[in-house]
Amino acid sequence: MSGQAVTFTATVVGNYGGTPTGTVTFTDGTTALKTVKLSGGTASYTTSSLSSTTHSISCSYSGDSNFQPGGCNTVTQTVQ
């Protein structure tokens, strides 16, 4: 429902161990919503400002000295 908080969480995992650092940018379509620093390989973004429509939320990982940048699956969030 419009005005209610929703939280999106991205977890970045390395194939060969270690904990990724860097940032994750959450986007709605092509619009960047927020860039969040990883903590323990996880980044979360909470918002209550999504408009009443369907949103395609995705994210991208910046990479660091040990891990390459990458993306994530898109999640569809419908706000009523």
PDB file of N, CA and C in Angstrom:
ATOM      1  N   MET A   1       0.835  -1.166   0.000  1.00  0.00           N
ATOM      2  CA  MET A   1       0.000   0.000   0.000  1.00  0.00           C
ATOM      3  C   MET A   1       0.889   1.241   0.000  1.00  0.00           C
ATOM      4  N   SER A   2       0.483   2.248  -0.730  1.00  0.00           N
ATOM      5  CA  SER A   2       1.256   3.472  -0.825  1.00  0.00           C
ATOM      6  C   SER A   2       1.520   4.056   0.563  1.00  0.00           C
ATOM      7  N   GLY A   3       2.748   4.467   0.811  1.00  0.00           N
ATOM      8  CA  GLY A   3       3.128   5.045   2.090  1.00  0.00           C
ATOM      9  C   GLY A   3       3.661   4.056   3.098  1.00  0.00           C
ATOM     10  N   GLN A   4       3.506   2.748   2.841  1.00  0.00           N
ATOM     11  CA  GLN A   4       4.042   1.748   3.751  1.00  0.00           C
ATOM     12  C   GLN A   4       5.483   1.430   3.388  1.00  0.00           C
ATOM     13  N   ALA A   5       6.270   1.123   4.389  1.00  0.00           N
ATOM     14  CA  ALA A   5       7.683   0.830   4.170  1.00  0.00           C
ATOM     15  C   ALA A   5       7.877  -0.553   3.554  1.00  0.00           C
ATOM     16  N   VAL A   6       8.829  -0.628   2.639  1.00  0.00           N
ATOM     17  CA  VAL A   6       9.251  -1.893   2.045  1.00  0.00           C
ATOM     18  C   VAL A   6      10.782  -1.904   2.080  1.00  0.00           C
ATOM     19  N   THR A   7      11.357  -3.069   2.367  1.00  0.00           N
ATOM     20  CA  THR A   7      12.809  -3.199   2.453  1.00  0.00           C
ATOM     21  C   THR A   7      13.303  -4.147   1.371  1.00  0.00           C
ATOM     22  N   PHE A   8      14.321  -3.712   0.656  1.00  0.00           N
ATOM     23  CA  PHE A   8      14.990  -4.531  -0.348  1.00  0.00           C
ATOM     24  C   PHE A   8      16.378  -4.856   0.190  1.00  0.00           C
ATOM     25  N   THR A   9      16.765  -6.143   0.100  1.00  0.00           N
ATOM     26  CA  THR A   9      18.056  -6.583   0.626  1.00  0.00           C
ATOM     27  C   THR A   9      18.819  -7.333  -0.448  1.00  0.00           C
ATOM     28  N   ALA A  10      20.104  -7.000  -0.585  1.00  0.00           N
ATOM     29  CA  ALA A  10      20.993  -7.706  -1.512  1.00  0.00           C
ATOM     30  C   ALA A  10      22.126  -8.329  -0.706  1.00  0.00           C
ATOM     31  N   THR A  11      22.397  -9.597  -0.958  1.00  0.00           N
ATOM     32  CA  THR A  11      23.519 -10.283  -0.323  1.00  0.00           C
ATOM     33  C   THR A  11      24.511 -10.670  -1.406  1.00  0.00           C
ATOM     34  N   VAL A  12      25.750 -10.236  -1.232  1.00  0.00           N
ATOM     35  CA  VAL A  12      26.811 -10.507  -2.205  1.00  0.00           C
ATOM     36  C   VAL A  12      27.710 -11.591  -1.624  1.00  0.00           C
ATOM     37  N   VAL A  13      27.872 -12.678  -2.383  1.00  0.00           N
ATOM     38  CA  VAL A  13      28.643 -13.827  -1.918  1.00  0.00           C
ATOM     39  C   VAL A  13      29.742 -14.123  -2.926  1.00  0.00           C
ATOM     40  N   GLY A  14      30.942 -14.346  -2.440  1.00  0.00           N
ATOM     41  CA  GLY A  14      32.050 -14.718  -3.307  1.00  0.00           C
ATOM     42  C   GLY A  14      32.068 -16.226  -3.535  1.00  0.00           C
ATOM     43  N   ASN A  15      32.496 -16.640  -4.721  1.00  0.00           N
ATOM     44  CA  ASN A  15      32.560 -18.070  -5.039  1.00  0.00           C
ATOM     45  C   ASN A  15      33.643 -18.806  -4.271  1.00  0.00           C
ATOM     46  N   TYR A  16      34.665 -18.120  -3.827  1.00  0.00           N
ATOM     47  CA  TYR A  16      35.814 -18.783  -3.210  1.00  0.00           C
ATOM     48  C   TYR A  16      36.072 -18.293  -1.795  1.00  0.00           C
ATOM     49  N   GLY A  17      35.029 -17.896  -1.097  1.00  0.00           N
ATOM     50  CA  GLY A  17      35.182 -17.434   0.277  1.00  0.00           C
ATOM     51  C   GLY A  17      35.514 -15.952   0.346  1.00  0.00           C
ATOM     52  N   GLY A  18      35.640 -15.476   1.533  1.00  0.00           N
ATOM     53  CA  GLY A  18      35.876 -14.060   1.752  1.00  0.00           C
ATOM     54  C   GLY A  18      34.557 -13.303   1.782  1.00  0.00           C
ATOM     55  N   THR A  19      34.617 -12.090   2.269  1.00  0.00           N
ATOM     56  CA  THR A  19      33.418 -11.259   2.371  1.00  0.00           C
ATOM     57  C   THR A  19      33.575 -10.043   1.480  1.00  0.00           C
ATOM     58  N   PRO A  20      32.728  -9.898   0.484  1.00  0.00           N
ATOM     59  CA  PRO A  20      32.797  -8.730  -0.398  1.00  0.00           C
ATOM     60  C   PRO A  20      32.548  -7.425   0.361  1.00  0.00           C
ATOM     61  N   THR A  21      33.218  -6.385  -0.081  1.00  0.00           N
ATOM     62  CA  THR A  21      32.998  -5.032   0.421  1.00  0.00           C
ATOM     63  C   THR A  21      32.562  -4.185  -0.775  1.00  0.00           C
ATOM     64  N   GLY A  22      32.407  -2.915  -0.572  1.00  0.00           N
ATOM     65  CA  GLY A  22      31.979  -2.041  -1.660  1.00  0.00           C
ATOM     66  C   GLY A  22      30.547  -1.605  -1.456  1.00  0.00           C
ATOM     67  N   THR A  23      29.851  -1.296  -2.545  1.00  0.00           N
ATOM     68  CA  THR A  23      28.487  -0.781  -2.447  1.00  0.00           C
ATOM     69  C   THR A  23      27.540  -1.515  -3.385  1.00  0.00           C
ATOM     70  N   VAL A  24      26.259  -1.393  -3.068  1.00  0.00           N
ATOM     71  CA  VAL A  24      25.183  -1.883  -3.925  1.00  0.00           C
ATOM     72  C   VAL A  24      24.277  -0.701  -4.237  1.00  0.00           C
ATOM     73  N   THR A  25      23.946  -0.516  -5.510  1.00  0.00           N
ATOM     74  CA  THR A  25      23.017   0.527  -5.912  1.00  0.00           C
ATOM     75  C   THR A  25      21.695  -0.118  -6.293  1.00  0.00           C
ATOM     76  N   PHE A  26      20.633   0.301  -5.621  1.00  0.00           N
ATOM     77  CA  PHE A  26      19.285  -0.182  -5.909  1.00  0.00           C
ATOM     78  C   PHE A  26      18.654   0.763  -6.929  1.00  0.00           C
ATOM     79  N   THR A  27      17.998   0.192  -7.948  1.00  0.00           N
ATOM     80  CA  THR A  27      17.367   0.999  -8.994  1.00  0.00           C
ATOM     81  C   THR A  27      15.919   0.577  -9.194  1.00  0.00           C
ATOM     82  N   ASP A  28      15.137   1.527  -9.675  1.00  0.00           N
ATOM     83  CA  ASP A  28      13.743   1.284 -10.065  1.00  0.00           C
ATOM     84  C   ASP A  28      13.688   1.559 -11.556  1.00  0.00           C
ATOM     85  N   GLY A  29      13.713   0.496 -12.367  1.00  0.00           N
ATOM     86  CA  GLY A  29      13.856   0.677 -13.811  1.00  0.00           C
ATOM     87  C   GLY A  29      15.248   1.228 -14.094  1.00  0.00           C
ATOM     88  N   THR A  30      15.321   2.461 -14.616  1.00  0.00           N
ATOM     89  CA  THR A  30      16.619   3.096 -14.882  1.00  0.00           C
ATOM     90  C   THR A  30      16.934   4.195 -13.869  1.00  0.00           C
ATOM     91  N   THR A  31      16.078   4.365 -12.867  1.00  0.00           N
ATOM     92  CA  THR A  31      16.269   5.421 -11.874  1.00  0.00           C
ATOM     93  C   THR A  31      16.971   4.876 -10.637  1.00  0.00           C
ATOM     94  N   ALA A  32      18.152   5.420 -10.335  1.00  0.00           N
ATOM     95  CA  ALA A  32      18.867   5.017  -9.120  1.00  0.00           C
ATOM     96  C   ALA A  32      18.098   5.506  -7.898  1.00  0.00           C
ATOM     97  N   LEU A  33      17.866   4.599  -6.950  1.00  0.00           N
ATOM     98  CA  LEU A  33      17.152   4.949  -5.726  1.00  0.00           C
ATOM     99  C   LEU A  33      18.096   5.268  -4.579  1.00  0.00           C
ATOM    100  N   LYS A  34      19.090   4.404  -4.372  1.00  0.00           N
ATOM    101  CA  LYS A  34      19.989   4.562  -3.233  1.00  0.00           C
ATOM    102  C   LYS A  34      21.211   3.680  -3.421  1.00  0.00           C
ATOM    103  N   THR A  35      22.366   4.190  -3.035  1.00  0.00           N
ATOM    104  CA  THR A  35      23.599   3.406  -2.995  1.00  0.00           C
ATOM    105  C   THR A  35      23.918   3.145  -1.532  1.00  0.00           C
ATOM    106  N   VAL A  36      24.119   1.863  -1.203  1.00  0.00           N
ATOM    107  CA  VAL A  36      24.295   1.442   0.181  1.00  0.00           C
ATOM    108  C   VAL A  36      25.606   0.675   0.319  1.00  0.00           C
ATOM    109  N   LYS A  37      26.372   0.985   1.357  1.00  0.00           N
ATOM    110  CA  LYS A  37      27.618   0.279   1.641  1.00  0.00           C
ATOM    111  C   LYS A  37      27.309  -1.106   2.201  1.00  0.00           C
ATOM    112  N   LEU A  38      28.032  -2.116   1.708  1.00  0.00           N
ATOM    113  CA  LEU A  38      27.870  -3.475   2.228  1.00  0.00           C
ATOM    114  C   LEU A  38      28.366  -3.571   3.665  1.00  0.00           C
ATOM    115  N   SER A  39      27.666  -4.366   4.450  1.00  0.00           N
ATOM    116  CA  SER A  39      28.087  -4.684   5.807  1.00  0.00           C
ATOM    117  C   SER A  39      27.977  -6.191   5.949  1.00  0.00           C
ATOM    118  N   GLY A  40      29.107  -6.859   6.067  1.00  0.00           N
ATOM    119  CA  GLY A  40      29.095  -8.316   6.142  1.00  0.00           C
ATOM    120  C   GLY A  40      28.576  -8.965   4.871  1.00  0.00           C
ATOM    121  N   GLY A  41      28.735  -8.275   3.744  1.00  0.00           N
ATOM    122  CA  GLY A  41      28.289  -8.791   2.460  1.00  0.00           C
ATOM    123  C   GLY A  41      26.833  -8.512   2.142  1.00  0.00           C
ATOM    124  N   THR A  42      26.146  -7.741   2.999  1.00  0.00           N
ATOM    125  CA  THR A  42      24.724  -7.459   2.812  1.00  0.00           C
ATOM    126  C   THR A  42      24.466  -5.956   2.795  1.00  0.00           C
ATOM    127  N   ALA A  43      23.534  -5.550   1.922  1.00  0.00           N
ATOM    128  CA  ALA A  43      23.097  -4.159   1.854  1.00  0.00           C
ATOM    129  C   ALA A  43      21.573  -4.139   1.830  1.00  0.00           C
ATOM    130  N   SER A  44      20.961  -3.250   2.610  1.00  0.00           N
ATOM    131  CA  SER A  44      19.506  -3.129   2.652  1.00  0.00           C
ATOM    132  C   SER A  44      19.094  -1.684   2.434  1.00  0.00           C
ATOM    133  N   TYR A  45      17.945  -1.535   1.793  1.00  0.00           N
ATOM    134  CA  TYR A  45      17.379  -0.219   1.511  1.00  0.00           C
ATOM    135  C   TYR A  45      15.893  -0.254   1.853  1.00  0.00           C
ATOM    136  N   THR A  46      15.457   0.634   2.730  1.00  0.00           N
ATOM    137  CA  THR A  46      14.051   0.726   3.118  1.00  0.00           C
ATOM    138  C   THR A  46      13.489   2.048   2.632  1.00  0.00           C
ATOM    139  N   THR A  47      12.300   1.996   2.023  1.00  0.00           N
ATOM    140  CA  THR A  47      11.645   3.202   1.533  1.00  0.00           C
ATOM    141  C   THR A  47      10.140   3.103   1.732  1.00  0.00           C
ATOM    142  N   SER A  48       9.509   4.238   1.910  1.00  0.00           N
ATOM    143  CA  SER A  48       8.054   4.298   1.948  1.00  0.00           C
ATOM    144  C   SER A  48       7.554   5.299   0.906  1.00  0.00           C
ATOM    145  N   SER A  49       8.426   5.638  -0.045  1.00  0.00           N
ATOM    146  CA  SER A  49       8.081   6.675  -1.020  1.00  0.00           C
ATOM    147  C   SER A  49       7.787   6.148  -2.424  1.00  0.00           C
ATOM    148  N   LEU A  50       7.600   4.828  -2.578  1.00  0.00           N
ATOM    149  CA  LEU A  50       7.259   4.304  -3.899  1.00  0.00           C
ATOM    150  C   LEU A  50       5.817   4.677  -4.244  1.00  0.00           C
ATOM    151  N   SER A  51       5.613   5.126  -5.452  1.00  0.00           N
ATOM    152  CA  SER A  51       4.278   5.523  -5.903  1.00  0.00           C
ATOM    153  C   SER A  51       3.397   4.302  -6.167  1.00  0.00           C
ATOM    154  N   SER A  52       2.106   4.535  -6.281  1.00  0.00           N
ATOM    155  CA  SER A  52       1.132   3.463  -6.524  1.00  0.00           C
ATOM    156  C   SER A  52       1.199   3.011  -7.973  1.00  0.00           C
ATOM    157  N   THR A  53       2.026   2.046  -8.225  1.00  0.00           N
ATOM    158  CA  THR A  53       2.207   1.448  -9.546  1.00  0.00           C
ATOM    159  C   THR A  53       3.093   0.215  -9.382  1.00  0.00           C
ATOM    160  N   THR A  54       3.489  -0.393 -10.474  1.00  0.00           N
ATOM    161  CA  THR A  54       4.410  -1.524 -10.438  1.00  0.00           C
ATOM    162  C   THR A  54       5.830  -1.014 -10.646  1.00  0.00           C
ATOM    163  N   HIS A  55       6.740  -1.500  -9.816  1.00  0.00           N
ATOM    164  CA  HIS A  55       8.136  -1.086  -9.860  1.00  0.00           C
ATOM    165  C   HIS A  55       9.019  -2.290 -10.169  1.00  0.00           C
ATOM    166  N   SER A  56      10.014  -2.099 -11.016  1.00  0.00           N
ATOM    167  CA  SER A  56      11.004  -3.137 -11.325  1.00  0.00           C
ATOM    168  C   SER A  56      12.286  -2.787 -10.589  1.00  0.00           C
ATOM    169  N   ILE A  57      12.498  -3.402  -9.434  1.00  0.00           N
ATOM    170  CA  ILE A  57      13.640  -3.091  -8.585  1.00  0.00           C
ATOM    171  C   ILE A  57      14.783  -4.057  -8.891  1.00  0.00           C
ATOM    172  N   SER A  58      15.946  -3.498  -9.142  1.00  0.00           N
ATOM    173  CA  SER A  58      17.140  -4.313  -9.349  1.00  0.00           C
ATOM    174  C   SER A  58      18.298  -3.656  -8.602  1.00  0.00           C
ATOM    175  N   CYS A  59      19.452  -4.277  -8.672  1.00  0.00           N
ATOM    176  CA  CYS A  59      20.613  -3.706  -7.988  1.00  0.00           C
ATOM    177  C   CYS A  59      21.885  -4.037  -8.757  1.00  0.00           C
ATOM    178  N   SER A  60      22.924  -3.322  -8.429  1.00  0.00           N
ATOM    179  CA  SER A  60      24.237  -3.610  -9.013  1.00  0.00           C
ATOM    180  C   SER A  60      25.296  -3.464  -7.928  1.00  0.00           C
ATOM    181  N   TYR A  61      26.237  -4.375  -7.952  1.00  0.00           N
ATOM    182  CA  TYR A  61      27.343  -4.393  -6.993  1.00  0.00           C
ATOM    183  C   TYR A  61      28.552  -3.723  -7.622  1.00  0.00           C
ATOM    184  N   SER A  62      29.205  -2.834  -6.870  1.00  0.00           N
ATOM    185  CA  SER A  62      30.331  -2.046  -7.392  1.00  0.00           C
ATOM    186  C   SER A  62      31.607  -2.848  -7.594  1.00  0.00           C
ATOM    187  N   GLY A  63      31.753  -3.942  -6.849  1.00  0.00           N
ATOM    188  CA  GLY A  63      33.007  -4.685  -6.874  1.00  0.00           C
ATOM    189  C   GLY A  63      33.989  -4.114  -5.863  1.00  0.00           C
ATOM    190  N   ASP A  64      35.059  -4.845  -5.628  1.00  0.00           N
ATOM    191  CA  ASP A  64      36.148  -4.370  -4.781  1.00  0.00           C
ATOM    192  C   ASP A  64      37.445  -5.004  -5.287  1.00  0.00           C
ATOM    193  N   SER A  65      38.517  -4.915  -4.526  1.00  0.00           N
ATOM    194  CA  SER A  65      39.810  -5.409  -5.008  1.00  0.00           C
ATOM    195  C   SER A  65      39.850  -6.929  -5.166  1.00  0.00           C
ATOM    196  N   ASN A  66      38.912  -7.644  -4.550  1.00  0.00           N
ATOM    197  CA  ASN A  66      38.890  -9.107  -4.639  1.00  0.00           C
ATOM    198  C   ASN A  66      37.695  -9.675  -5.397  1.00  0.00           C
ATOM    199  N   PHE A  67      36.658  -8.874  -5.611  1.00  0.00           N
ATOM    200  CA  PHE A  67      35.427  -9.359  -6.225  1.00  0.00           C
ATOM    201  C   PHE A  67      35.015  -8.439  -7.369  1.00  0.00           C
ATOM    202  N   GLN A  68      34.588  -9.033  -8.479  1.00  0.00           N
ATOM    203  CA  GLN A  68      34.188  -8.259  -9.658  1.00  0.00           C
ATOM    204  C   GLN A  68      32.789  -7.697  -9.483  1.00  0.00           C
ATOM    205  N   PRO A  69      32.517  -6.575 -10.157  1.00  0.00           N
ATOM    206  CA  PRO A  69      31.159  -6.005 -10.123  1.00  0.00           C
ATOM    207  C   PRO A  69      30.148  -6.980 -10.714  1.00  0.00           C
ATOM    208  N   GLY A  70      28.890  -6.802 -10.333  1.00  0.00           N
ATOM    209  CA  GLY A  70      27.843  -7.660 -10.875  1.00  0.00           C
ATOM    210  C   GLY A  70      26.471  -7.100 -10.589  1.00  0.00           C
ATOM    211  N   GLY A  71      25.476  -7.773 -11.123  1.00  0.00           N
ATOM    212  CA  GLY A  71      24.091  -7.358 -10.942  1.00  0.00           C
ATOM    213  C   GLY A  71      23.304  -8.389 -10.167  1.00  0.00           C
ATOM    214  N   CYS A  72      22.011  -8.133 -10.062  1.00  0.00           N
ATOM    215  CA  CYS A  72      21.142  -9.076  -9.361  1.00  0.00           C
ATOM    216  C   CYS A  72      19.860  -9.261 -10.159  1.00  0.00           C
ATOM    217  N   ASN A  73      19.080 -10.207  -9.745  1.00  0.00           N
ATOM    218  CA  ASN A  73      17.776 -10.418 -10.378  1.00  0.00           C
ATOM    219  C   ASN A  73      16.856  -9.244 -10.104  1.00  0.00           C
ATOM    220  N   THR A  74      15.958  -8.981 -11.033  1.00  0.00           N
ATOM    221  CA  THR A  74      14.975  -7.917 -10.862  1.00  0.00           C
ATOM    222  C   THR A  74      13.775  -8.455 -10.088  1.00  0.00           C
ATOM    223  N   VAL A  75      13.298  -7.661  -9.137  1.00  0.00           N
ATOM    224  CA  VAL A  75      12.131  -8.004  -8.343  1.00  0.00           C
ATOM    225  C   VAL A  75      11.018  -7.040  -8.735  1.00  0.00           C
ATOM    226  N   THR A  76       9.827  -7.556  -8.959  1.00  0.00           N
ATOM    227  CA  THR A  76       8.682  -6.697  -9.253  1.00  0.00           C
ATOM    228  C   THR A  76       7.924  -6.426  -7.964  1.00  0.00           C
ATOM    229  N   GLN A  77       7.778  -5.148  -7.650  1.00  0.00           N
ATOM    230  CA  GLN A  77       7.054  -4.728  -6.450  1.00  0.00           C
ATOM    231  C   GLN A  77       5.861  -3.885  -6.879  1.00  0.00           C
ATOM    232  N   THR A  78       4.656  -4.325  -6.540  1.00  0.00           N
ATOM    233  CA  THR A  78       3.459  -3.567  -6.875  1.00  0.00           C
ATOM    234  C   THR A  78       2.973  -2.834  -5.638  1.00  0.00           C
ATOM    235  N   VAL A  79       2.805  -1.526  -5.779  1.00  0.00           N
ATOM    236  CA  VAL A  79       2.305  -0.697  -4.688  1.00  0.00           C
ATOM    237  C   VAL A  79       0.881  -0.294  -5.018  1.00  0.00           C
ATOM    238  N   GLN A  80      -0.027  -0.522  -4.078  1.00  0.00           N
ATOM    239  CA  GLN A  80      -1.437  -0.208  -4.317  1.00  0.00           C
ATOM    240  C   GLN A  80      -1.821   1.101  -3.663  1.00  0.00           C
TER     241      GLN A  80
END
